[in-house]
Amino acid sequence: MTTVDLRGVTCPTNFVKAKLALEMVDTGEVIEFLLDDGEPVKNVPRSLKGEGHKLLGLKETDGYYVLTLEKGEE
């Protein structure tokens, strides 16, 4: 599974980087994003879901969040 560390990356740059990472994986592939608390964990999952990707999980770990999602159709 691909993991993309977006900790320390501010909005909206983290969403742009997440979209670029998703372009590198195939539809149906599962990818993890590491996100900071606050705006990133609120905005990135919502924006990616709005793009048609399937959210599989969001859990807090050691002060940051792990967002797991499945790439949807382009």
PDB file of N, CA and C in Angstrom:
ATOM      1  N   MET A   1       0.835  -1.180   0.000  1.00  0.00           N
ATOM      2  CA  MET A   1       0.000   0.000   0.000  1.00  0.00           C
ATOM      3  C   MET A   1       0.885   1.251   0.000  1.00  0.00           C
ATOM      4  N   THR A   2       0.454   2.251  -0.726  1.00  0.00           N
ATOM      5  CA  THR A   2       1.176   3.513  -0.795  1.00  0.00           C
ATOM      6  C   THR A   2       0.788   4.397   0.385  1.00  0.00           C
ATOM      7  N   THR A   3       1.770   5.019   1.030  1.00  0.00           N
ATOM      8  CA  THR A   3       1.516   5.966   2.111  1.00  0.00           C
ATOM      9  C   THR A   3       2.135   7.303   1.726  1.00  0.00           C
ATOM     10  N   VAL A   4       1.335   8.363   1.851  1.00  0.00           N
ATOM     11  CA  VAL A   4       1.791   9.704   1.520  1.00  0.00           C
ATOM     12  C   VAL A   4       1.739  10.549   2.791  1.00  0.00           C
ATOM     13  N   ASP A   5       2.884  11.054   3.212  1.00  0.00           N
ATOM     14  CA  ASP A   5       2.976  11.850   4.436  1.00  0.00           C
ATOM     15  C   ASP A   5       2.736  13.323   4.102  1.00  0.00           C
ATOM     16  N   LEU A   6       1.582  13.831   4.530  1.00  0.00           N
ATOM     17  CA  LEU A   6       1.229  15.231   4.294  1.00  0.00           C
ATOM     18  C   LEU A   6       1.275  16.042   5.586  1.00  0.00           C
ATOM     19  N   ARG A   7       1.926  15.493   6.599  1.00  0.00           N
ATOM     20  CA  ARG A   7       2.054  16.240   7.854  1.00  0.00           C
ATOM     21  C   ARG A   7       2.950  17.446   7.620  1.00  0.00           C
ATOM     22  N   GLY A   8       2.557  18.578   8.177  1.00  0.00           N
ATOM     23  CA  GLY A   8       3.325  19.802   8.013  1.00  0.00           C
ATOM     24  C   GLY A   8       3.037  20.524   6.704  1.00  0.00           C
ATOM     25  N   VAL A   9       2.146  19.980   5.890  1.00  0.00           N
ATOM     26  CA  VAL A   9       1.763  20.608   4.626  1.00  0.00           C
ATOM     27  C   VAL A   9       0.436  21.328   4.846  1.00  0.00           C
ATOM     28  N   THR A  10       0.387  22.612   4.503  1.00  0.00           N
ATOM     29  CA  THR A  10      -0.808  23.404   4.772  1.00  0.00           C
ATOM     30  C   THR A  10      -1.853  23.257   3.671  1.00  0.00           C
ATOM     31  N   CYS A  11      -3.091  23.628   4.003  1.00  0.00           N
ATOM     32  CA  CYS A  11      -4.180  23.673   3.021  1.00  0.00           C
ATOM     33  C   CYS A  11      -3.948  24.880   2.117  1.00  0.00           C
ATOM     34  N   PRO A  12      -4.250  24.851   0.854  1.00  0.00           N
ATOM     35  CA  PRO A  12      -4.773  23.706   0.096  1.00  0.00           C
ATOM     36  C   PRO A  12      -3.669  22.861  -0.556  1.00  0.00           C
ATOM     37  N   THR A  13      -2.407  23.121  -0.218  1.00  0.00           N
ATOM     38  CA  THR A  13      -1.310  22.374  -0.833  1.00  0.00           C
ATOM     39  C   THR A  13      -1.429  20.879  -0.551  1.00  0.00           C
ATOM     40  N   ASN A  14      -1.888  20.513   0.648  1.00  0.00           N
ATOM     41  CA  ASN A  14      -2.000  19.092   0.974  1.00  0.00           C
ATOM     42  C   ASN A  14      -3.013  18.386   0.067  1.00  0.00           C
ATOM     43  N   PHE A  15      -4.108  19.079  -0.275  1.00  0.00           N
ATOM     44  CA  PHE A  15      -5.098  18.484  -1.175  1.00  0.00           C
ATOM     45  C   PHE A  15      -4.506  18.303  -2.578  1.00  0.00           C
ATOM     46  N   VAL A  16      -3.764  19.300  -3.039  1.00  0.00           N
ATOM     47  CA  VAL A  16      -3.124  19.218  -4.357  1.00  0.00           C
ATOM     48  C   VAL A  16      -2.143  18.047  -4.383  1.00  0.00           C
ATOM     49  N   LYS A  17      -1.340  17.902  -3.330  1.00  0.00           N
ATOM     50  CA  LYS A  17      -0.380  16.789  -3.266  1.00  0.00           C
ATOM     51  C   LYS A  17      -1.099  15.449  -3.199  1.00  0.00           C
ATOM     52  N   ALA A  18      -2.233  15.399  -2.490  1.00  0.00           N
ATOM     53  CA  ALA A  18      -3.021  14.164  -2.419  1.00  0.00           C
ATOM     54  C   ALA A  18      -3.542  13.796  -3.806  1.00  0.00           C
ATOM     55  N   LYS A  19      -4.042  14.778  -4.539  1.00  0.00           N
ATOM     56  CA  LYS A  19      -4.542  14.510  -5.900  1.00  0.00           C
ATOM     57  C   LYS A  19      -3.425  14.010  -6.799  1.00  0.00           C
ATOM     58  N   LEU A  20      -2.243  14.614  -6.698  1.00  0.00           N
ATOM     59  CA  LEU A  20      -1.108  14.171  -7.514  1.00  0.00           C
ATOM     60  C   LEU A  20      -0.716  12.736  -7.174  1.00  0.00           C
ATOM     61  N   ALA A  21      -0.745  12.399  -5.879  1.00  0.00           N
ATOM     62  CA  ALA A  21      -0.416  11.029  -5.462  1.00  0.00           C
ATOM     63  C   ALA A  21      -1.434  10.040  -6.015  1.00  0.00           C
ATOM     64  N   LEU A  22      -2.703  10.435  -6.034  1.00  0.00           N
ATOM     65  CA  LEU A  22      -3.748   9.546  -6.551  1.00  0.00           C
ATOM     66  C   LEU A  22      -3.603   9.309  -8.048  1.00  0.00           C
ATOM     67  N   GLU A  23      -3.007  10.254  -8.761  1.00  0.00           N
ATOM     68  CA  GLU A  23      -2.781  10.061 -10.200  1.00  0.00           C
ATOM     69  C   GLU A  23      -1.764   8.951 -10.454  1.00  0.00           C
ATOM     70  N   MET A  24      -0.952   8.632  -9.446  1.00  0.00           N
ATOM     71  CA  MET A  24       0.105   7.633  -9.608  1.00  0.00           C
ATOM     72  C   MET A  24      -0.361   6.207  -9.314  1.00  0.00           C
ATOM     73  N   VAL A  25      -1.593   6.061  -8.800  1.00  0.00           N
ATOM     74  CA  VAL A  25      -2.085   4.719  -8.475  1.00  0.00           C
ATOM     75  C   VAL A  25      -3.282   4.382  -9.362  1.00  0.00           C
ATOM     76  N   ASP A  26      -3.572   3.096  -9.457  1.00  0.00           N
ATOM     77  CA  ASP A  26      -4.669   2.629 -10.300  1.00  0.00           C
ATOM     78  C   ASP A  26      -6.010   2.740  -9.581  1.00  0.00           C
ATOM     79  N   THR A  27      -7.081   2.873 -10.350  1.00  0.00           N
ATOM     80  CA  THR A  27      -8.430   2.875  -9.802  1.00  0.00           C
ATOM     81  C   THR A  27      -8.640   1.605  -8.976  1.00  0.00           C
ATOM     82  N   GLY A  28      -9.230   1.755  -7.796  1.00  0.00           N
ATOM     83  CA  GLY A  28      -9.466   0.620  -6.919  1.00  0.00           C
ATOM     84  C   GLY A  28      -8.327   0.350  -5.952  1.00  0.00           C
ATOM     85  N   GLU A  29      -7.185   0.994  -6.160  1.00  0.00           N
ATOM     86  CA  GLU A  29      -6.047   0.799  -5.265  1.00  0.00           C
ATOM     87  C   GLU A  29      -6.273   1.586  -3.976  1.00  0.00           C
ATOM     88  N   VAL A  30      -5.758   1.041  -2.870  1.00  0.00           N
ATOM     89  CA  VAL A  30      -5.901   1.687  -1.567  1.00  0.00           C
ATOM     90  C   VAL A  30      -4.635   2.481  -1.273  1.00  0.00           C
ATOM     91  N   ILE A  31      -4.826   3.694  -0.753  1.00  0.00           N
ATOM     92  CA  ILE A  31      -3.714   4.589  -0.454  1.00  0.00           C
ATOM     93  C   ILE A  31      -3.967   5.243   0.903  1.00  0.00           C
ATOM     94  N   GLU A  32      -2.902   5.491   1.644  1.00  0.00           N
ATOM     95  CA  GLU A  32      -2.996   6.136   2.956  1.00  0.00           C
ATOM     96  C   GLU A  32      -2.378   7.524   2.893  1.00  0.00           C
ATOM     97  N   PHE A  33      -3.028   8.449   3.595  1.00  0.00           N
ATOM     98  CA  PHE A  33      -2.485   9.794   3.731  1.00  0.00           C
ATOM     99  C   PHE A  33      -2.325  10.096   5.210  1.00  0.00           C
ATOM    100  N   LEU A  34      -1.177  10.664   5.590  1.00  0.00           N
ATOM    101  CA  LEU A  34      -0.945  11.094   6.970  1.00  0.00           C
ATOM    102  C   LEU A  34      -1.231  12.587   7.021  1.00  0.00           C
ATOM    103  N   LEU A  35      -2.176  12.971   7.905  1.00  0.00           N
ATOM    104  CA  LEU A  35      -2.652  14.354   7.955  1.00  0.00           C
ATOM    105  C   LEU A  35      -2.542  14.930   9.350  1.00  0.00           C
ATOM    106  N   ASP A  36      -2.293  16.229   9.419  1.00  0.00           N
ATOM    107  CA  ASP A  36      -2.297  16.938  10.701  1.00  0.00           C
ATOM    108  C   ASP A  36      -3.730  17.146  11.171  1.00  0.00           C
ATOM    109  N   ASP A  37      -3.869  17.376  12.483  1.00  0.00           N
ATOM    110  CA  ASP A  37      -5.159  17.716  13.072  1.00  0.00           C
ATOM    111  C   ASP A  37      -5.556  19.116  12.604  1.00  0.00           C
ATOM    112  N   GLY A  38      -6.826  19.456  12.763  1.00  0.00           N
ATOM    113  CA  GLY A  38      -7.295  20.784  12.391  1.00  0.00           C
ATOM    114  C   GLY A  38      -7.830  20.807  10.971  1.00  0.00           C
ATOM    115  N   GLU A  39      -7.522  21.876  10.253  1.00  0.00           N
ATOM    116  CA  GLU A  39      -8.058  22.030   8.897  1.00  0.00           C
ATOM    117  C   GLU A  39      -7.712  20.880   7.957  1.00  0.00           C
ATOM    118  N   PRO A  40      -6.462  20.373   7.962  1.00  0.00           N
ATOM    119  CA  PRO A  40      -6.160  19.284   7.028  1.00  0.00           C
ATOM    120  C   PRO A  40      -7.075  18.074   7.195  1.00  0.00           C
ATOM    121  N   VAL A  41      -7.320  17.664   8.433  1.00  0.00           N
ATOM    122  CA  VAL A  41      -8.132  16.450   8.627  1.00  0.00           C
ATOM    123  C   VAL A  41      -9.615  16.724   8.354  1.00  0.00           C
ATOM    124  N   LYS A  42     -10.018  17.978   8.392  1.00  0.00           N
ATOM    125  CA  LYS A  42     -11.407  18.314   8.041  1.00  0.00           C
ATOM    126  C   LYS A  42     -11.570  18.430   6.527  1.00  0.00           C
ATOM    127  N   ASN A  43     -10.620  19.110   5.885  1.00  0.00           N
ATOM    128  CA  ASN A  43     -10.798  19.472   4.475  1.00  0.00           C
ATOM    129  C   ASN A  43     -10.373  18.400   3.475  1.00  0.00           C
ATOM    130  N   VAL A  44      -9.244  17.739   3.721  1.00  0.00           N
ATOM    131  CA  VAL A  44      -8.731  16.791   2.724  1.00  0.00           C
ATOM    132  C   VAL A  44      -9.679  15.605   2.517  1.00  0.00           C
ATOM    133  N   PRO A  45     -10.161  14.935   3.580  1.00  0.00           N
ATOM    134  CA  PRO A  45     -11.082  13.808   3.332  1.00  0.00           C
ATOM    135  C   PRO A  45     -12.346  14.241   2.593  1.00  0.00           C
ATOM    136  N   ARG A  46     -12.906  15.378   2.989  1.00  0.00           N
ATOM    137  CA  ARG A  46     -14.135  15.865   2.351  1.00  0.00           C
ATOM    138  C   ARG A  46     -13.880  16.165   0.870  1.00  0.00           C
ATOM    139  N   SER A  47     -12.766  16.812   0.575  1.00  0.00           N
ATOM    140  CA  SER A  47     -12.445  17.166  -0.808  1.00  0.00           C
ATOM    141  C   SER A  47     -12.201  15.930  -1.657  1.00  0.00           C
ATOM    142  N   LEU A  48     -11.485  14.951  -1.107  1.00  0.00           N
ATOM    143  CA  LEU A  48     -11.213  13.725  -1.867  1.00  0.00           C
ATOM    144  C   LEU A  48     -12.487  12.926  -2.101  1.00  0.00           C
ATOM    145  N   LYS A  49     -13.361  12.890  -1.103  1.00  0.00           N
ATOM    146  CA  LYS A  49     -14.645  12.198  -1.276  1.00  0.00           C
ATOM    147  C   LYS A  49     -15.443  12.894  -2.369  1.00  0.00           C
ATOM    148  N   GLY A  50     -15.401  14.229  -2.385  1.00  0.00           N
ATOM    149  CA  GLY A  50     -16.088  15.000  -3.412  1.00  0.00           C
ATOM    150  C   GLY A  50     -15.562  14.729  -4.812  1.00  0.00           C
ATOM    151  N   GLU A  51     -14.317  14.261  -4.893  1.00  0.00           N
ATOM    152  CA  GLU A  51     -13.703  13.924  -6.185  1.00  0.00           C
ATOM    153  C   GLU A  51     -14.082  12.505  -6.632  1.00  0.00           C
ATOM    154  N   GLY A  52     -14.833  11.773  -5.794  1.00  0.00           N
ATOM    155  CA  GLY A  52     -15.302  10.449  -6.184  1.00  0.00           C
ATOM    156  C   GLY A  52     -14.509   9.291  -5.610  1.00  0.00           C
ATOM    157  N   HIS A  53     -13.637   9.573  -4.627  1.00  0.00           N
ATOM    158  CA  HIS A  53     -12.873   8.503  -3.999  1.00  0.00           C
ATOM    159  C   HIS A  53     -13.633   7.975  -2.784  1.00  0.00           C
ATOM    160  N   LYS A  54     -13.364   6.724  -2.422  1.00  0.00           N
ATOM    161  CA  LYS A  54     -14.100   6.062  -1.336  1.00  0.00           C
ATOM    162  C   LYS A  54     -13.274   6.093  -0.056  1.00  0.00           C
ATOM    163  N   LEU A  55     -13.809   6.768   0.969  1.00  0.00           N
ATOM    164  CA  LEU A  55     -13.121   6.821   2.252  1.00  0.00           C
ATOM    165  C   LEU A  55     -13.301   5.499   2.973  1.00  0.00           C
ATOM    166  N   LEU A  56     -12.204   4.866   3.357  1.00  0.00           N
ATOM    167  CA  LEU A  56     -12.249   3.575   4.038  1.00  0.00           C
ATOM    168  C   LEU A  56     -12.023   3.710   5.536  1.00  0.00           C
ATOM    169  N   GLY A  57     -11.328   4.760   5.949  1.00  0.00           N
ATOM    170  CA  GLY A  57     -11.075   4.919   7.378  1.00  0.00           C
ATOM    171  C   GLY A  57     -10.303   6.191   7.669  1.00  0.00           C
ATOM    172  N   LEU A  58     -10.503   6.674   8.898  1.00  0.00           N
ATOM    173  CA  LEU A  58      -9.777   7.842   9.380  1.00  0.00           C
ATOM    174  C   LEU A  58      -9.547   7.620  10.859  1.00  0.00           C
ATOM    175  N   LYS A  59      -8.284   7.448  11.251  1.00  0.00           N
ATOM    176  CA  LYS A  59      -8.012   7.185  12.668  1.00  0.00           C
ATOM    177  C   LYS A  59      -6.875   8.061  13.159  1.00  0.00           C
ATOM    178  N   GLU A  60      -6.965   8.428  14.428  1.00  0.00           N
ATOM    179  CA  GLU A  60      -5.931   9.251  15.035  1.00  0.00           C
ATOM    180  C   GLU A  60      -4.834   8.347  15.566  1.00  0.00           C
ATOM    181  N   THR A  61      -3.585   8.737  15.325  1.00  0.00           N
ATOM    182  CA  THR A  61      -2.424   7.983  15.775  1.00  0.00           C
ATOM    183  C   THR A  61      -1.337   8.951  16.184  1.00  0.00           C
ATOM    184  N   ASP A  62      -0.946   8.956  17.436  1.00  0.00           N
ATOM    185  CA  ASP A  62       0.192   9.764  17.896  1.00  0.00           C
ATOM    186  C   ASP A  62       0.130  11.229  17.478  1.00  0.00           C
ATOM    187  N   GLY A  63      -1.050  11.841  17.569  1.00  0.00           N
ATOM    188  CA  GLY A  63      -1.165  13.266  17.289  1.00  0.00           C
ATOM    189  C   GLY A  63      -1.379  13.641  15.835  1.00  0.00           C
ATOM    190  N   TYR A  64      -1.517  12.651  14.974  1.00  0.00           N
ATOM    191  CA  TYR A  64      -1.869  12.935  13.581  1.00  0.00           C
ATOM    192  C   TYR A  64      -2.919  11.919  13.147  1.00  0.00           C
ATOM    193  N   TYR A  65      -3.407  12.050  11.932  1.00  0.00           N
ATOM    194  CA  TYR A  65      -4.469  11.171  11.444  1.00  0.00           C
ATOM    195  C   TYR A  65      -3.993  10.370  10.241  1.00  0.00           C
ATOM    196  N   VAL A  66      -4.512   9.148  10.143  1.00  0.00           N
ATOM    197  CA  VAL A  66      -4.247   8.288   8.990  1.00  0.00           C
ATOM    198  C   VAL A  66      -5.566   8.148   8.230  1.00  0.00           C
ATOM    199  N   LEU A  67      -5.586   8.686   7.023  1.00  0.00           N
ATOM    200  CA  LEU A  67      -6.757   8.598   6.148  1.00  0.00           C
ATOM    201  C   LEU A  67      -6.485   7.486   5.145  1.00  0.00           C
ATOM    202  N   THR A  68      -7.382   6.499   5.112  1.00  0.00           N
ATOM    203  CA  THR A  68      -7.264   5.404   4.156  1.00  0.00           C
ATOM    204  C   THR A  68      -8.385   5.548   3.140  1.00  0.00           C
ATOM    205  N   LEU A  69      -8.037   5.514   1.869  1.00  0.00           N
ATOM    206  CA  LEU A  69      -9.094   5.597   0.876  1.00  0.00           C
ATOM    207  C   LEU A  69      -8.773   4.761  -0.342  1.00  0.00           C
ATOM    208  N   GLU A  70      -9.836   4.454  -1.069  1.00  0.00           N
ATOM    209  CA  GLU A  70      -9.727   3.676  -2.299  1.00  0.00           C
ATOM    210  C   GLU A  70      -9.929   4.638  -3.461  1.00  0.00           C
ATOM    211  N   LYS A  71      -9.026   4.575  -4.426  1.00  0.00           N
ATOM    212  CA  LYS A  71      -9.133   5.480  -5.571  1.00  0.00           C
ATOM    213  C   LYS A  71     -10.367   5.163  -6.388  1.00  0.00           C
ATOM    214  N   GLY A  72     -11.150   6.196  -6.659  1.00  0.00           N
ATOM    215  CA  GLY A  72     -12.346   6.035  -7.472  1.00  0.00           C
ATOM    216  C   GLY A  72     -12.037   6.236  -8.945  1.00  0.00           C
ATOM    217  N   GLU A  73     -13.090   6.201  -9.747  1.00  0.00           N
ATOM    218  CA  GLU A  73     -12.944   6.429 -11.188  1.00  0.00           C
ATOM    219  C   GLU A  73     -12.522   7.869 -11.423  1.00  0.00           C
ATOM    220  N   GLU A  74     -11.716   8.079 -12.428  1.00  0.00           N
ATOM    221  CA  GLU A  74     -11.289   9.449 -12.778  1.00  0.00           C
ATOM    222  C   GLU A  74     -12.449  10.205 -13.380  1.00  0.00           C
TER     223      GLU A  74
END
